Amino acid sequence: MNKTDLINNISNNSGLTKRDVETVLNGFLDEITSALSSGDKVQLIGFGTFETRKRAARTGRNPQTGEELNIPESNVPAFKAGNKLKEAVN
């Protein structure tokens, strides 16, 4: 399912217009992005938690040349599923 499919499904199930659903969904995604960018985490009880994790610096290799590279430390987004979501999937 992609974003358009999600908007269509929510619109059909809620009775809201596609434009309204798209506005809410974009706002939701923007807020999660903003929170993660500032180092906060977003916890939706039962669904899951969006957070950032530090990825340690490491040595990599260019597969074309074999040259070793130093890859700096970085923050990466992560999602941890909540119990209700895990139960629904299983």
PDB file of N, CA and C in Angstrom:
ATOM      1  N   MET A   1       0.850  -1.168   0.000  1.00  0.00           N
ATOM      2  CA  MET A   1       0.000   0.000   0.000  1.00  0.00           C
ATOM      3  C   MET A   1       0.899   1.234   0.000  1.00  0.00           C
ATOM      4  N   ASN A   2       0.592   2.174  -0.858  1.00  0.00           N
ATOM      5  CA  ASN A   2       1.342   3.420  -0.888  1.00  0.00           C
ATOM      6  C   ASN A   2       0.495   4.540  -0.275  1.00  0.00           C
ATOM      7  N   LYS A   3       1.034   5.755  -0.288  1.00  0.00           N
ATOM      8  CA  LYS A   3       0.350   6.880   0.364  1.00  0.00           C
ATOM      9  C   LYS A   3      -1.010   7.167  -0.271  1.00  0.00           C
ATOM     10  N   THR A   4      -1.100   7.097  -1.586  1.00  0.00           N
ATOM     11  CA  THR A   4      -2.370   7.346  -2.274  1.00  0.00           C
ATOM     12  C   THR A   4      -3.414   6.306  -1.891  1.00  0.00           C
ATOM     13  N   ASP A   5      -3.015   5.041  -1.825  1.00  0.00           N
ATOM     14  CA  ASP A   5      -3.928   3.985  -1.410  1.00  0.00           C
ATOM     15  C   ASP A   5      -4.410   4.215   0.017  1.00  0.00           C
ATOM     16  N   LEU A   6      -3.499   4.613   0.892  1.00  0.00           N
ATOM     17  CA  LEU A   6      -3.856   4.883   2.280  1.00  0.00           C
ATOM     18  C   LEU A   6      -4.864   6.019   2.368  1.00  0.00           C
ATOM     19  N   ILE A   7      -4.631   7.091   1.631  1.00  0.00           N
ATOM     20  CA  ILE A   7      -5.561   8.227   1.624  1.00  0.00           C
ATOM     21  C   ILE A   7      -6.923   7.785   1.114  1.00  0.00           C
ATOM     22  N   ASN A   8      -6.961   7.016   0.041  1.00  0.00           N
ATOM     23  CA  ASN A   8      -8.236   6.540  -0.506  1.00  0.00           C
ATOM     24  C   ASN A   8      -8.990   5.664   0.494  1.00  0.00           C
ATOM     25  N   ASN A   9      -8.284   4.745   1.147  1.00  0.00           N
ATOM     26  CA  ASN A   9      -8.926   3.850   2.114  1.00  0.00           C
ATOM     27  C   ASN A   9      -9.475   4.611   3.311  1.00  0.00           C
ATOM     28  N   ILE A  10      -8.695   5.540   3.835  1.00  0.00           N
ATOM     29  CA  ILE A  10      -9.170   6.328   4.980  1.00  0.00           C
ATOM     30  C   ILE A  10     -10.366   7.173   4.576  1.00  0.00           C
ATOM     31  N   SER A  11     -10.312   7.758   3.397  1.00  0.00           N
ATOM     32  CA  SER A  11     -11.426   8.573   2.907  1.00  0.00           C
ATOM     33  C   SER A  11     -12.698   7.741   2.776  1.00  0.00           C
ATOM     34  N   ASN A  12     -12.568   6.548   2.215  1.00  0.00           N
ATOM     35  CA  ASN A  12     -13.742   5.678   2.044  1.00  0.00           C
ATOM     36  C   ASN A  12     -14.322   5.225   3.376  1.00  0.00           C
ATOM     37  N   ASN A  13     -13.452   4.951   4.368  1.00  0.00           N
ATOM     38  CA  ASN A  13     -13.919   4.443   5.654  1.00  0.00           C
ATOM     39  C   ASN A  13     -14.398   5.530   6.601  1.00  0.00           C
ATOM     40  N   SER A  14     -13.946   6.757   6.409  1.00  0.00           N
ATOM     41  CA  SER A  14     -14.288   7.816   7.359  1.00  0.00           C
ATOM     42  C   SER A  14     -15.360   8.768   6.855  1.00  0.00           C
ATOM     43  N   GLY A  15     -15.565   8.826   5.558  1.00  0.00           N
ATOM     44  CA  GLY A  15     -16.520   9.773   5.010  1.00  0.00           C
ATOM     45  C   GLY A  15     -15.922  11.155   4.788  1.00  0.00           C
ATOM     46  N   LEU A  16     -14.630  11.330   5.103  1.00  0.00           N
ATOM     47  CA  LEU A  16     -13.955  12.596   4.853  1.00  0.00           C
ATOM     48  C   LEU A  16     -13.522  12.659   3.393  1.00  0.00           C
ATOM     49  N   THR A  17     -13.296  13.877   2.914  1.00  0.00           N
ATOM     50  CA  THR A  17     -12.830  14.008   1.539  1.00  0.00           C
ATOM     51  C   THR A  17     -11.356  13.595   1.461  1.00  0.00           C
ATOM     52  N   LYS A  18     -10.943  13.222   0.274  1.00  0.00           N
ATOM     53  CA  LYS A  18      -9.550  12.826   0.073  1.00  0.00           C
ATOM     54  C   LYS A  18      -8.614  13.988   0.399  1.00  0.00           C
ATOM     55  N   ARG A  19      -9.023  15.187   0.060  1.00  0.00           N
ATOM     56  CA  ARG A  19      -8.199  16.369   0.326  1.00  0.00           C
ATOM     57  C   ARG A  19      -8.011  16.567   1.828  1.00  0.00           C
ATOM     58  N   ASP A  20      -9.097  16.395   2.608  1.00  0.00           N
ATOM     59  CA  ASP A  20      -8.989  16.535   4.066  1.00  0.00           C
ATOM     60  C   ASP A  20      -8.092  15.455   4.659  1.00  0.00           C
ATOM     61  N   VAL A  21      -8.254  14.226   4.188  1.00  0.00           N
ATOM     62  CA  VAL A  21      -7.424  13.120   4.678  1.00  0.00           C
ATOM     63  C   VAL A  21      -5.961  13.369   4.333  1.00  0.00           C
ATOM     64  N   GLU A  22      -5.692  13.843   3.119  1.00  0.00           N
ATOM     65  CA  GLU A  22      -4.322  14.115   2.713  1.00  0.00           C
ATOM     66  C   GLU A  22      -3.710  15.218   3.577  1.00  0.00           C
ATOM     67  N   THR A  23      -4.485  16.250   3.893  1.00  0.00           N
ATOM     68  CA  THR A  23      -4.002  17.335   4.744  1.00  0.00           C
ATOM     69  C   THR A  23      -3.643  16.822   6.133  1.00  0.00           C
ATOM     70  N   VAL A  24      -4.506  15.994   6.705  1.00  0.00           N
ATOM     71  CA  VAL A  24      -4.245  15.445   8.036  1.00  0.00           C
ATOM     72  C   VAL A  24      -3.037  14.517   8.003  1.00  0.00           C
ATOM     73  N   LEU A  25      -2.958  13.648   7.011  1.00  0.00           N
ATOM     74  CA  LEU A  25      -1.845  12.709   6.911  1.00  0.00           C
ATOM     75  C   LEU A  25      -0.516  13.442   6.736  1.00  0.00           C
ATOM     76  N   ASN A  26      -0.491  14.455   5.879  1.00  0.00           N
ATOM     77  CA  ASN A  26       0.732  15.234   5.689  1.00  0.00           C
ATOM     78  C   ASN A  26       1.130  15.959   6.968  1.00  0.00           C
ATOM     79  N   GLY A  27       0.141  16.489   7.694  1.00  0.00           N
ATOM     80  CA  GLY A  27       0.414  17.136   8.973  1.00  0.00           C
ATOM     81  C   GLY A  27       0.980  16.161   9.981  1.00  0.00           C
ATOM     82  N   PHE A  28       0.420  14.958  10.018  1.00  0.00           N
ATOM     83  CA  PHE A  28       0.886  13.908  10.919  1.00  0.00           C
ATOM     84  C   PHE A  28       2.338  13.550  10.612  1.00  0.00           C
ATOM     85  N   LEU A  29       2.645  13.343   9.349  1.00  0.00           N
ATOM     86  CA  LEU A  29       4.003  12.993   8.948  1.00  0.00           C
ATOM     87  C   LEU A  29       4.987  14.128   9.220  1.00  0.00           C
ATOM     88  N   ASP A  30       4.556  15.372   8.998  1.00  0.00           N
ATOM     89  CA  ASP A  30       5.410  16.523   9.269  1.00  0.00           C
ATOM     90  C   ASP A  30       5.726  16.638  10.757  1.00  0.00           C
ATOM     91  N   GLU A  31       4.741  16.378  11.612  1.00  0.00           N
ATOM     92  CA  GLU A  31       4.956  16.454  13.053  1.00  0.00           C
ATOM     93  C   GLU A  31       5.906  15.363  13.537  1.00  0.00           C
ATOM     94  N   ILE A  32       5.767  14.162  13.003  1.00  0.00           N
ATOM     95  CA  ILE A  32       6.685  13.084  13.374  1.00  0.00           C
ATOM     96  C   ILE A  32       8.098  13.439  12.917  1.00  0.00           C
ATOM     97  N   THR A  33       8.241  13.931  11.708  1.00  0.00           N
ATOM     98  CA  THR A  33       9.547  14.317  11.179  1.00  0.00           C
ATOM     99  C   THR A  33      10.170  15.419  12.026  1.00  0.00           C
ATOM    100  N   SER A  34       9.371  16.405  12.392  1.00  0.00           N
ATOM    101  CA  SER A  34       9.858  17.515  13.202  1.00  0.00           C
ATOM    102  C   SER A  34      10.311  17.039  14.582  1.00  0.00           C
ATOM    103  N   ALA A  35       9.529  16.163  15.196  1.00  0.00           N
ATOM    104  CA  ALA A  35       9.877  15.647  16.519  1.00  0.00           C
ATOM    105  C   ALA A  35      11.170  14.842  16.462  1.00  0.00           C
ATOM    106  N   LEU A  36      11.299  13.982  15.468  1.00  0.00           N
ATOM    107  CA  LEU A  36      12.513  13.176  15.342  1.00  0.00           C
ATOM    108  C   LEU A  36      13.734  14.044  15.042  1.00  0.00           C
ATOM    109  N   SER A  37      13.541  15.085  14.250  1.00  0.00           N
ATOM    110  CA  SER A  37      14.646  15.984  13.920  1.00  0.00           C
ATOM    111  C   SER A  37      15.175  16.702  15.150  1.00  0.00           C
ATOM    112  N   SER A  38      14.283  16.985  16.096  1.00  0.00           N
ATOM    113  CA  SER A  38      14.704  17.688  17.304  1.00  0.00           C
ATOM    114  C   SER A  38      15.130  16.731  18.417  1.00  0.00           C
ATOM    115  N   GLY A  39      15.163  15.431  18.129  1.00  0.00           N
ATOM    116  CA  GLY A  39      15.643  14.456  19.107  1.00  0.00           C
ATOM    117  C   GLY A  39      14.571  13.861  19.994  1.00  0.00           C
ATOM    118  N   ASP A  40      13.318  14.242  19.795  1.00  0.00           N
ATOM    119  CA  ASP A  40      12.216  13.684  20.581  1.00  0.00           C
ATOM    120  C   ASP A  40      11.779  12.357  19.988  1.00  0.00           C
ATOM    121  N   LYS A  41      10.967  11.625  20.753  1.00  0.00           N
ATOM    122  CA  LYS A  41      10.368  10.414  20.194  1.00  0.00           C
ATOM    123  C   LYS A  41       8.858  10.568  20.222  1.00  0.00           C
ATOM    124  N   VAL A  42       8.192   9.870  19.329  1.00  0.00           N
ATOM    125  CA  VAL A  42       6.737   9.928  19.227  1.00  0.00           C
ATOM    126  C   VAL A  42       6.193   8.557  19.601  1.00  0.00           C
ATOM    127  N   GLN A  43       5.406   8.511  20.666  1.00  0.00           N
ATOM    128  CA  GLN A  43       4.886   7.239  21.168  1.00  0.00           C
ATOM    129  C   GLN A  43       3.375   7.218  20.997  1.00  0.00           C
ATOM    130  N   LEU A  44       2.898   6.254  20.233  1.00  0.00           N
ATOM    131  CA  LEU A  44       1.468   6.043  20.027  1.00  0.00           C
ATOM    132  C   LEU A  44       1.117   4.726  20.721  1.00  0.00           C
ATOM    133  N   ILE A  45       0.523   4.826  21.902  1.00  0.00           N
ATOM    134  CA  ILE A  45       0.249   3.654  22.729  1.00  0.00           C
ATOM    135  C   ILE A  45      -0.538   2.624  21.922  1.00  0.00           C
ATOM    136  N   GLY A  46      -0.052   1.391  21.939  1.00  0.00           N
ATOM    137  CA  GLY A  46      -0.700   0.302  21.227  1.00  0.00           C
ATOM    138  C   GLY A  46      -0.224   0.146  19.794  1.00  0.00           C
ATOM    139  N   PHE A  47       0.216   1.240  19.181  1.00  0.00           N
ATOM    140  CA  PHE A  47       0.679   1.169  17.792  1.00  0.00           C
ATOM    141  C   PHE A  47       2.189   1.023  17.728  1.00  0.00           C
ATOM    142  N   GLY A  48       2.905   1.959  18.358  1.00  0.00           N
ATOM    143  CA  GLY A  48       4.356   1.863  18.354  1.00  0.00           C
ATOM    144  C   GLY A  48       5.027   3.175  18.664  1.00  0.00           C
ATOM    145  N   THR A  49       6.344   3.156  18.583  1.00  0.00           N
ATOM    146  CA  THR A  49       7.153   4.318  18.919  1.00  0.00           C
ATOM    147  C   THR A  49       8.110   4.634  17.785  1.00  0.00           C
ATOM    148  N   PHE A  50       8.111   5.901  17.364  1.00  0.00           N
ATOM    149  CA  PHE A  50       9.081   6.408  16.398  1.00  0.00           C
ATOM    150  C   PHE A  50      10.171   7.095  17.197  1.00  0.00           C
ATOM    151  N   GLU A  51      11.435   6.775  16.907  1.00  0.00           N
ATOM    152  CA  GLU A  51      12.544   7.380  17.627  1.00  0.00           C
ATOM    153  C   GLU A  51      13.765   7.415  16.730  1.00  0.00           C
ATOM    154  N   THR A  52      14.819   8.081  17.205  1.00  0.00           N
ATOM    155  CA  THR A  52      16.083   8.066  16.474  1.00  0.00           C
ATOM    156  C   THR A  52      17.083   7.256  17.274  1.00  0.00           C
ATOM    157  N   ARG A  53      17.979   6.613  16.557  1.00  0.00           N
ATOM    158  CA  ARG A  53      19.039   5.828  17.177  1.00  0.00           C
ATOM    159  C   ARG A  53      20.362   6.254  16.562  1.00  0.00           C
ATOM    160  N   LYS A  54      21.403   6.218  17.372  1.00  0.00           N
ATOM    161  CA  LYS A  54      22.736   6.561  16.872  1.00  0.00           C
ATOM    162  C   LYS A  54      23.343   5.353  16.169  1.00  0.00           C
ATOM    163  N   ARG A  55      23.869   5.580  15.003  1.00  0.00           N
ATOM    164  CA  ARG A  55      24.628   4.559  14.286  1.00  0.00           C
ATOM    165  C   ARG A  55      26.099   4.934  14.434  1.00  0.00           C
ATOM    166  N   ALA A  56      26.865   4.045  15.001  1.00  0.00           N
ATOM    167  CA  ALA A  56      28.265   4.321  15.296  1.00  0.00           C
ATOM    168  C   ALA A  56      29.080   4.516  14.018  1.00  0.00           C
ATOM    169  N   ALA A  57      30.174   5.248  14.161  1.00  0.00           N
ATOM    170  CA  ALA A  57      31.099   5.412  13.042  1.00  0.00           C
ATOM    171  C   ALA A  57      31.692   4.044  12.707  1.00  0.00           C
ATOM    172  N   ARG A  58      31.962   3.841  11.434  1.00  0.00           N
ATOM    173  CA  ARG A  58      32.483   2.538  11.023  1.00  0.00           C
ATOM    174  C   ARG A  58      33.314   2.698   9.753  1.00  0.00           C
ATOM    175  N   THR A  59      33.988   1.639   9.416  1.00  0.00           N
ATOM    176  CA  THR A  59      34.783   1.625   8.198  1.00  0.00           C
ATOM    177  C   THR A  59      34.008   0.873   7.126  1.00  0.00           C
ATOM    178  N   GLY A  60      33.907   1.470   5.948  1.00  0.00           N
ATOM    179  CA  GLY A  60      33.223   0.835   4.837  1.00  0.00           C
ATOM    180  C   GLY A  60      34.195   0.623   3.695  1.00  0.00           C
ATOM    181  N   ARG A  61      33.689   0.036   2.620  1.00  0.00           N
ATOM    182  CA  ARG A  61      34.546  -0.246   1.476  1.00  0.00           C
ATOM    183  C   ARG A  61      33.785   0.075   0.202  1.00  0.00           C
ATOM    184  N   ASN A  62      34.442   0.773  -0.714  1.00  0.00           N
ATOM    185  CA  ASN A  62      33.875   1.052  -2.024  1.00  0.00           C
ATOM    186  C   ASN A  62      33.999  -0.233  -2.840  1.00  0.00           C
ATOM    187  N   PRO A  63      32.871  -0.846  -3.246  1.00  0.00           N
ATOM    188  CA  PRO A  63      32.953  -2.125  -3.952  1.00  0.00           C
ATOM    189  C   PRO A  63      33.606  -2.032  -5.334  1.00  0.00           C
ATOM    190  N   GLN A  64      33.605  -0.856  -5.949  1.00  0.00           N
ATOM    191  CA  GLN A  64      34.210  -0.723  -7.277  1.00  0.00           C
ATOM    192  C   GLN A  64      35.731  -0.634  -7.218  1.00  0.00           C
ATOM    193  N   THR A  65      36.233   0.093  -6.213  1.00  0.00           N
ATOM    194  CA  THR A  65      37.676   0.312  -6.154  1.00  0.00           C
ATOM    195  C   THR A  65      38.351  -0.466  -5.036  1.00  0.00           C
ATOM    196  N   GLY A  66      37.587  -0.928  -4.067  1.00  0.00           N
ATOM    197  CA  GLY A  66      38.162  -1.627  -2.932  1.00  0.00           C
ATOM    198  C   GLY A  66      38.711  -0.678  -1.885  1.00  0.00           C
ATOM    199  N   GLU A  67      38.604   0.623  -2.128  1.00  0.00           N
ATOM    200  CA  GLU A  67      39.107   1.636  -1.203  1.00  0.00           C
ATOM    201  C   GLU A  67      38.292   1.634   0.089  1.00  0.00           C
ATOM    202  N   GLU A  68      38.982   1.715   1.215  1.00  0.00           N
ATOM    203  CA  GLU A  68      38.289   1.773   2.502  1.00  0.00           C
ATOM    204  C   GLU A  68      37.921   3.214   2.805  1.00  0.00           C
ATOM    205  N   LEU A  69      36.722   3.406   3.371  1.00  0.00           N
ATOM    206  CA  LEU A  69      36.197   4.725   3.690  1.00  0.00           C
ATOM    207  C   LEU A  69      35.826   4.772   5.163  1.00  0.00           C
ATOM    208  N   ASN A  70      35.959   5.944   5.754  1.00  0.00           N
ATOM    209  CA  ASN A  70      35.468   6.141   7.106  1.00  0.00           C
ATOM    210  C   ASN A  70      34.065   6.721   7.023  1.00  0.00           C
ATOM    211  N   ILE A  71      33.081   6.004   7.550  1.00  0.00           N
ATOM    212  CA  ILE A  71      31.697   6.449   7.546  1.00  0.00           C
ATOM    213  C   ILE A  71      31.429   7.070   8.914  1.00  0.00           C
ATOM    214  N   PRO A  72      31.034   8.345   8.957  1.00  0.00           N
ATOM    215  CA  PRO A  72      30.854   9.018  10.248  1.00  0.00           C
ATOM    216  C   PRO A  72      29.619   8.529  11.005  1.00  0.00           C
ATOM    217  N   GLU A  73      29.592   8.832  12.292  1.00  0.00           N
ATOM    218  CA  GLU A  73      28.432   8.531  13.135  1.00  0.00           C
ATOM    219  C   GLU A  73      27.218   9.280  12.601  1.00  0.00           C
ATOM    220  N   SER A  74      26.030   8.675  12.721  1.00  0.00           N
ATOM    221  CA  SER A  74      24.818   9.338  12.248  1.00  0.00           C
ATOM    222  C   SER A  74      23.622   8.915  13.087  1.00  0.00           C
ATOM    223  N   ASN A  75      22.570   9.701  12.990  1.00  0.00           N
ATOM    224  CA  ASN A  75      21.295   9.360  13.622  1.00  0.00           C
ATOM    225  C   ASN A  75      20.376   8.793  12.550  1.00  0.00           C
ATOM    226  N   VAL A  76      19.680   7.700  12.868  1.00  0.00           N
ATOM    227  CA  VAL A  76      18.767   7.086  11.912  1.00  0.00           C
ATOM    228  C   VAL A  76      17.394   6.937  12.561  1.00  0.00           C
ATOM    229  N   PRO A  77      16.316   7.108  11.793  1.00  0.00           N
ATOM    230  CA  PRO A  77      14.986   6.903  12.348  1.00  0.00           C
ATOM    231  C   PRO A  77      14.729   5.415  12.558  1.00  0.00           C
ATOM    232  N   ALA A  78      13.932   5.119  13.602  1.00  0.00           N
ATOM    233  CA  ALA A  78      13.601   3.726  13.903  1.00  0.00           C
ATOM    234  C   ALA A  78      12.152   3.661  14.378  1.00  0.00           C
ATOM    235  N   PHE A  79      11.536   2.510  14.194  1.00  0.00           N
ATOM    236  CA  PHE A  79      10.166   2.281  14.654  1.00  0.00           C
ATOM    237  C   PHE A  79      10.136   0.988  15.433  1.00  0.00           C
ATOM    238  N   LYS A  80       9.525   1.040  16.606  1.00  0.00           N
ATOM    239  CA  LYS A  80       9.347  -0.157  17.416  1.00  0.00           C
ATOM    240  C   LYS A  80       7.842  -0.385  17.557  1.00  0.00           C
ATOM    241  N   ALA A  81       7.366  -1.515  17.081  1.00  0.00           N
ATOM    242  CA  ALA A  81       5.934  -1.821  17.084  1.00  0.00           C
ATOM    243  C   ALA A  81       5.422  -2.026  18.512  1.00  0.00           C
ATOM    244  N   GLY A  82       4.199  -1.574  18.771  1.00  0.00           N
ATOM    245  CA  GLY A  82       3.540  -1.755  20.055  1.00  0.00           C
ATOM    246  C   GLY A  82       2.841  -3.110  20.119  1.00  0.00           C
ATOM    247  N   ASN A  83       2.368  -3.451  21.316  1.00  0.00           N
ATOM    248  CA  ASN A  83       1.759  -4.773  21.535  1.00  0.00           C
ATOM    249  C   ASN A  83       0.519  -5.007  20.677  1.00  0.00           C
ATOM    250  N   LYS A  84      -0.377  -4.028  20.581  1.00  0.00           N
ATOM    251  CA  LYS A  84      -1.602  -4.212  19.786  1.00  0.00           C
ATOM    252  C   LYS A  84      -1.280  -4.458  18.320  1.00  0.00           C
ATOM    253  N   LEU A  85      -0.295  -3.736  17.800  1.00  0.00           N
ATOM    254  CA  LEU A  85       0.105  -3.930  16.405  1.00  0.00           C
ATOM    255  C   LEU A  85       0.724  -5.292  16.203  1.00  0.00           C
ATOM    256  N   LYS A  86       1.564  -5.718  17.143  1.00  0.00           N
ATOM    257  CA  LYS A  86       2.176  -7.055  17.054  1.00  0.00           C
ATOM    258  C   LYS A  86       1.107  -8.138  17.070  1.00  0.00           C
ATOM    259  N   GLU A  87       0.120  -7.993  17.967  1.00  0.00           N
ATOM    260  CA  GLU A  87      -0.952  -8.989  18.066  1.00  0.00           C
ATOM    261  C   GLU A  87      -1.789  -9.023  16.792  1.00  0.00           C
ATOM    262  N   ALA A  88      -2.062  -7.864  16.206  1.00  0.00           N
ATOM    263  CA  ALA A  88      -2.871  -7.801  14.992  1.00  0.00           C
ATOM    264  C   ALA A  88      -2.161  -8.468  13.816  1.00  0.00           C
ATOM    265  N   VAL A  89      -0.835  -8.336  13.767  1.00  0.00           N
ATOM    266  CA  VAL A  89      -0.068  -8.939  12.684  1.00  0.00           C
ATOM    267  C   VAL A  89       0.028 -10.443  12.849  1.00  0.00           C
ATOM    268  N   ASN A  90       0.161 -10.879  14.074  1.00  0.00           N
ATOM    269  CA  ASN A  90       0.245 -12.314  14.324  1.00  0.00           C
ATOM    270  C   ASN A  90      -1.132 -12.885  14.356  1.00  0.00           C
TER     271      ASN A  90
END
